[in-house]
Amino acid sequence: QVQLVESGGGLVQAGGSLRLSCAASGSICSTNVMGWYRQAPGKQRELVAAMYSGGNTNYADSVKGRFTISRARNTVYLQMNSLEPEDTAAYYCNANVRPCQYTTSRDYWGQGTQVTVSS
């Protein structure tokens, strides 16, 4: 079974930085995309950043120039700089992978990690 374990959230002042990590474990034969979503209270979950198997990346307009996604094997990172109070949310790791015991790819989610930015 594939599992995603996140770490790195916390409380930071506006202008500060945090780095989130998400490690995928299990028997994974291929990875299509790994990324981060966030959900603030009363709002829909939104894509923050994603990295595709070929190395292409996609960022939400609100984080471009401040956040950087990177990946090393089955771990994905989100470096968040110049944090703003509007970045406060629960951040969720997402991976679309093909577990070795299946012939098709599936979506997996982490448990979420809270990021709180104080003004």
C-alpha atoms as a PDB file:
ATOM      1  CA  GLN A   1       0.000   0.000   0.000  1.00  0.00           C
ATOM      2  CA  VAL A   2       1.321   3.437  -0.921  1.00  0.00           C
ATOM      3  CA  GLN A   3       1.466   5.974   1.886  1.00  0.00           C
ATOM      4  CA  LEU A   4       2.403   9.640   1.893  1.00  0.00           C
ATOM      5  CA  VAL A   5       3.881  11.112   5.063  1.00  0.00           C
ATOM      6  CA  GLU A   6       4.212  14.876   5.353  1.00  0.00           C
ATOM      7  CA  SER A   7       6.302  16.991   7.679  1.00  0.00           C
ATOM      8  CA  GLY A   8       7.482  20.546   8.071  1.00  0.00           C
ATOM      9  CA  GLY A   9       4.405  22.601   8.843  1.00  0.00           C
ATOM     10  CA  GLY A  10       4.198  25.051  11.694  1.00  0.00           C
ATOM     11  CA  LEU A  11       3.751  28.635  12.796  1.00  0.00           C
ATOM     12  CA  VAL A  12       5.830  31.374  11.209  1.00  0.00           C
ATOM     13  CA  GLN A  13       5.714  35.142  11.015  1.00  0.00           C
ATOM     14  CA  ALA A  14       4.887  36.909   7.787  1.00  0.00           C
ATOM     15  CA  GLY A  15       7.978  37.111   5.600  1.00  0.00           C
ATOM     16  CA  GLY A  16       9.385  33.903   7.007  1.00  0.00           C
ATOM     17  CA  SER A  17      10.066  30.553   5.400  1.00  0.00           C
ATOM     18  CA  LEU A  18       9.087  26.925   5.836  1.00  0.00           C
ATOM     19  CA  ARG A  19       9.930  23.762   3.977  1.00  0.00           C
ATOM     20  CA  LEU A  20       7.425  20.957   3.647  1.00  0.00           C
ATOM     21  CA  SER A  21       8.450  17.383   2.894  1.00  0.00           C
ATOM     22  CA  CYS A  22       6.373  14.450   1.686  1.00  0.00           C
ATOM     23  CA  ALA A  23       7.798  10.953   1.488  1.00  0.00           C
ATOM     24  CA  ALA A  24       5.993   8.282  -0.509  1.00  0.00           C
ATOM     25  CA  SER A  25       6.492   4.727   0.681  1.00  0.00           C
ATOM     26  CA  GLY A  26       5.384   1.409  -0.717  1.00  0.00           C
ATOM     27  CA  SER A  27       6.013  -0.502  -3.896  1.00  0.00           C
ATOM     28  CA  ILE A  28       5.859   2.210  -6.553  1.00  0.00           C
ATOM     29  CA  CYS A  29       6.674   1.316 -10.133  1.00  0.00           C
ATOM     30  CA  SER A  30       6.154   4.731 -11.690  1.00  0.00           C
ATOM     31  CA  THR A  31       5.302   8.261 -10.616  1.00  0.00           C
ATOM     32  CA  ASN A  32       3.324  10.579 -12.858  1.00  0.00           C
ATOM     33  CA  VAL A  33       3.093  13.659 -10.677  1.00  0.00           C
ATOM     34  CA  MET A  34       3.679  14.732  -7.093  1.00  0.00           C
ATOM     35  CA  GLY A  35       2.429  17.978  -5.708  1.00  0.00           C
ATOM     36  CA  TRP A  36       0.951  20.066  -2.957  1.00  0.00           C
ATOM     37  CA  TYR A  37      -2.556  21.333  -2.399  1.00  0.00           C
ATOM     38  CA  ARG A  38      -3.875  23.534   0.360  1.00  0.00           C
ATOM     39  CA  GLN A  39      -7.218  24.188   1.961  1.00  0.00           C
ATOM     40  CA  ALA A  40      -8.032  27.175   4.120  1.00  0.00           C
ATOM     41  CA  PRO A  41     -11.107  27.199   6.382  1.00  0.00           C
ATOM     42  CA  GLY A  42     -14.270  27.766   4.355  1.00  0.00           C
ATOM     43  CA  LYS A  43     -12.443  27.479   1.044  1.00  0.00           C
ATOM     44  CA  GLN A  44     -11.998  24.783  -1.552  1.00  0.00           C
ATOM     45  CA  ARG A  45      -8.832  22.764  -1.807  1.00  0.00           C
ATOM     46  CA  GLU A  46      -6.531  24.319  -4.398  1.00  0.00           C
ATOM     47  CA  LEU A  47      -3.386  23.307  -6.210  1.00  0.00           C
ATOM     48  CA  VAL A  48      -0.276  25.032  -4.906  1.00  0.00           C
ATOM     49  CA  ALA A  49       2.457  23.381  -6.942  1.00  0.00           C
ATOM     50  CA  ALA A  50       3.066  20.183  -8.880  1.00  0.00           C
ATOM     51  CA  MET A  51       6.029  18.466 -10.462  1.00  0.00           C
ATOM     52  CA  TYR A  52       5.529  16.029 -13.327  1.00  0.00           C
ATOM     53  CA  SER A  53       7.604  13.020 -14.206  1.00  0.00           C
ATOM     54  CA  GLY A  54       9.444  14.883 -16.956  1.00  0.00           C
ATOM     55  CA  GLY A  55      10.433  17.633 -14.558  1.00  0.00           C
ATOM     56  CA  ASN A  56       7.865  20.214 -15.607  1.00  0.00           C
ATOM     57  CA  THR A  57       6.330  22.235 -12.812  1.00  0.00           C
ATOM     58  CA  ASN A  58       3.085  24.099 -12.306  1.00  0.00           C
ATOM     59  CA  TYR A  59       2.414  26.756  -9.680  1.00  0.00           C
ATOM     60  CA  ALA A  60      -0.617  28.666  -8.512  1.00  0.00           C
ATOM     61  CA  ASP A  61      -0.337  32.305  -9.533  1.00  0.00           C
ATOM     62  CA  SER A  62      -0.485  33.362  -5.890  1.00  0.00           C
ATOM     63  CA  VAL A  63       2.738  31.533  -5.007  1.00  0.00           C
ATOM     64  CA  LYS A  64       4.845  32.043  -8.134  1.00  0.00           C
ATOM     65  CA  GLY A  65       8.210  33.506  -7.253  1.00  0.00           C
ATOM     66  CA  ARG A  66       7.825  32.609  -3.573  1.00  0.00           C
ATOM     67  CA  PHE A  67       7.393  28.823  -3.482  1.00  0.00           C
ATOM     68  CA  THR A  68       9.596  26.187  -5.118  1.00  0.00           C
ATOM     69  CA  ILE A  69       8.732  22.539  -5.587  1.00  0.00           C
ATOM     70  CA  SER A  70      11.438  19.925  -5.910  1.00  0.00           C
ATOM     71  CA  ARG A  71      11.665  16.181  -5.825  1.00  0.00           C
ATOM     72  CA  ALA A  72      14.228  13.540  -4.972  1.00  0.00           C
ATOM     73  CA  ARG A  73      13.150  10.012  -5.829  1.00  0.00           C
ATOM     74  CA  ASN A  74       9.837   9.524  -4.005  1.00  0.00           C
ATOM     75  CA  THR A  75      10.079  12.564  -1.769  1.00  0.00           C
ATOM     76  CA  VAL A  76       8.660  15.920  -2.793  1.00  0.00           C
ATOM     77  CA  TYR A  77       9.517  19.203  -1.126  1.00  0.00           C
ATOM     78  CA  LEU A  78       7.883  22.601  -1.039  1.00  0.00           C
ATOM     79  CA  GLN A  79      10.146  25.483  -0.114  1.00  0.00           C
ATOM     80  CA  MET A  80       7.959  28.408   0.930  1.00  0.00           C
ATOM     81  CA  ASN A  81       9.559  31.841   1.210  1.00  0.00           C
ATOM     82  CA  SER A  82       8.113  35.278   1.863  1.00  0.00           C
ATOM     83  CA  LEU A  83       5.122  33.708   3.527  1.00  0.00           C
ATOM     84  CA  GLU A  84       1.967  35.770   3.851  1.00  0.00           C
ATOM     85  CA  PRO A  85      -1.002  35.395   6.215  1.00  0.00           C
ATOM     86  CA  GLU A  86      -3.030  34.399   3.145  1.00  0.00           C
ATOM     87  CA  ASP A  87      -0.864  31.262   2.884  1.00  0.00           C
ATOM     88  CA  THR A  88      -2.348  29.940   6.123  1.00  0.00           C
ATOM     89  CA  ALA A  89      -3.977  26.605   5.370  1.00  0.00           C
ATOM     90  CA  ALA A  90      -3.715  22.868   5.741  1.00  0.00           C
ATOM     91  CA  TYR A  91      -1.274  21.634   3.126  1.00  0.00           C
ATOM     92  CA  TYR A  92      -1.773  18.225   1.554  1.00  0.00           C
ATOM     93  CA  CYS A  93       0.665  16.162  -0.433  1.00  0.00           C
ATOM     94  CA  ASN A  94      -0.698  14.403  -3.508  1.00  0.00           C
ATOM     95  CA  ALA A  95       0.875  11.755  -5.694  1.00  0.00           C
ATOM     96  CA  ASN A  96      -0.369  10.025  -8.803  1.00  0.00           C
ATOM     97  CA  VAL A  97       1.602   6.811  -9.025  1.00  0.00           C
ATOM     98  CA  ARG A  98       1.353   3.271 -10.308  1.00  0.00           C
ATOM     99  CA  PRO A  99       1.785   0.809  -7.485  1.00  0.00           C
ATOM    100  CA  CYS A 100       3.591  -2.281  -8.725  1.00  0.00           C
ATOM    101  CA  GLN A 101       0.672  -4.557  -7.901  1.00  0.00           C
ATOM    102  CA  TYR A 102      -1.652  -2.644 -10.211  1.00  0.00           C
ATOM    103  CA  THR A 103      -1.684  -1.938 -13.947  1.00  0.00           C
ATOM    104  CA  THR A 104      -3.144   1.551 -13.590  1.00  0.00           C
ATOM    105  CA  SER A 105      -2.124   4.681 -11.716  1.00  0.00           C
ATOM    106  CA  ARG A 106      -3.925   5.955  -8.651  1.00  0.00           C
ATOM    107  CA  ASP A 107      -4.127   9.137  -6.581  1.00  0.00           C
ATOM    108  CA  TYR A 108      -2.880   9.166  -3.027  1.00  0.00           C
ATOM    109  CA  TRP A 109      -3.093  11.868  -0.380  1.00  0.00           C
ATOM    110  CA  GLY A 110      -1.162  12.682   2.742  1.00  0.00           C
ATOM    111  CA  GLN A 111      -2.798  13.428   6.058  1.00  0.00           C
ATOM    112  CA  GLY A 112      -2.138  17.156   5.827  1.00  0.00           C
ATOM    113  CA  THR A 113       0.127  19.517   7.698  1.00  0.00           C
ATOM    114  CA  GLN A 114      -0.908  22.896   9.063  1.00  0.00           C
ATOM    115  CA  VAL A 115       0.871  26.069   8.031  1.00  0.00           C
ATOM    116  CA  THR A 116      -0.020  29.203   9.965  1.00  0.00           C
ATOM    117  CA  VAL A 117       1.431  32.582   9.048  1.00  0.00           C
ATOM    118  CA  SER A 118       0.986  35.362  11.591  1.00  0.00           C
ATOM    119  CA  SER A 119       0.923  39.018  10.607  1.00  0.00           C
END
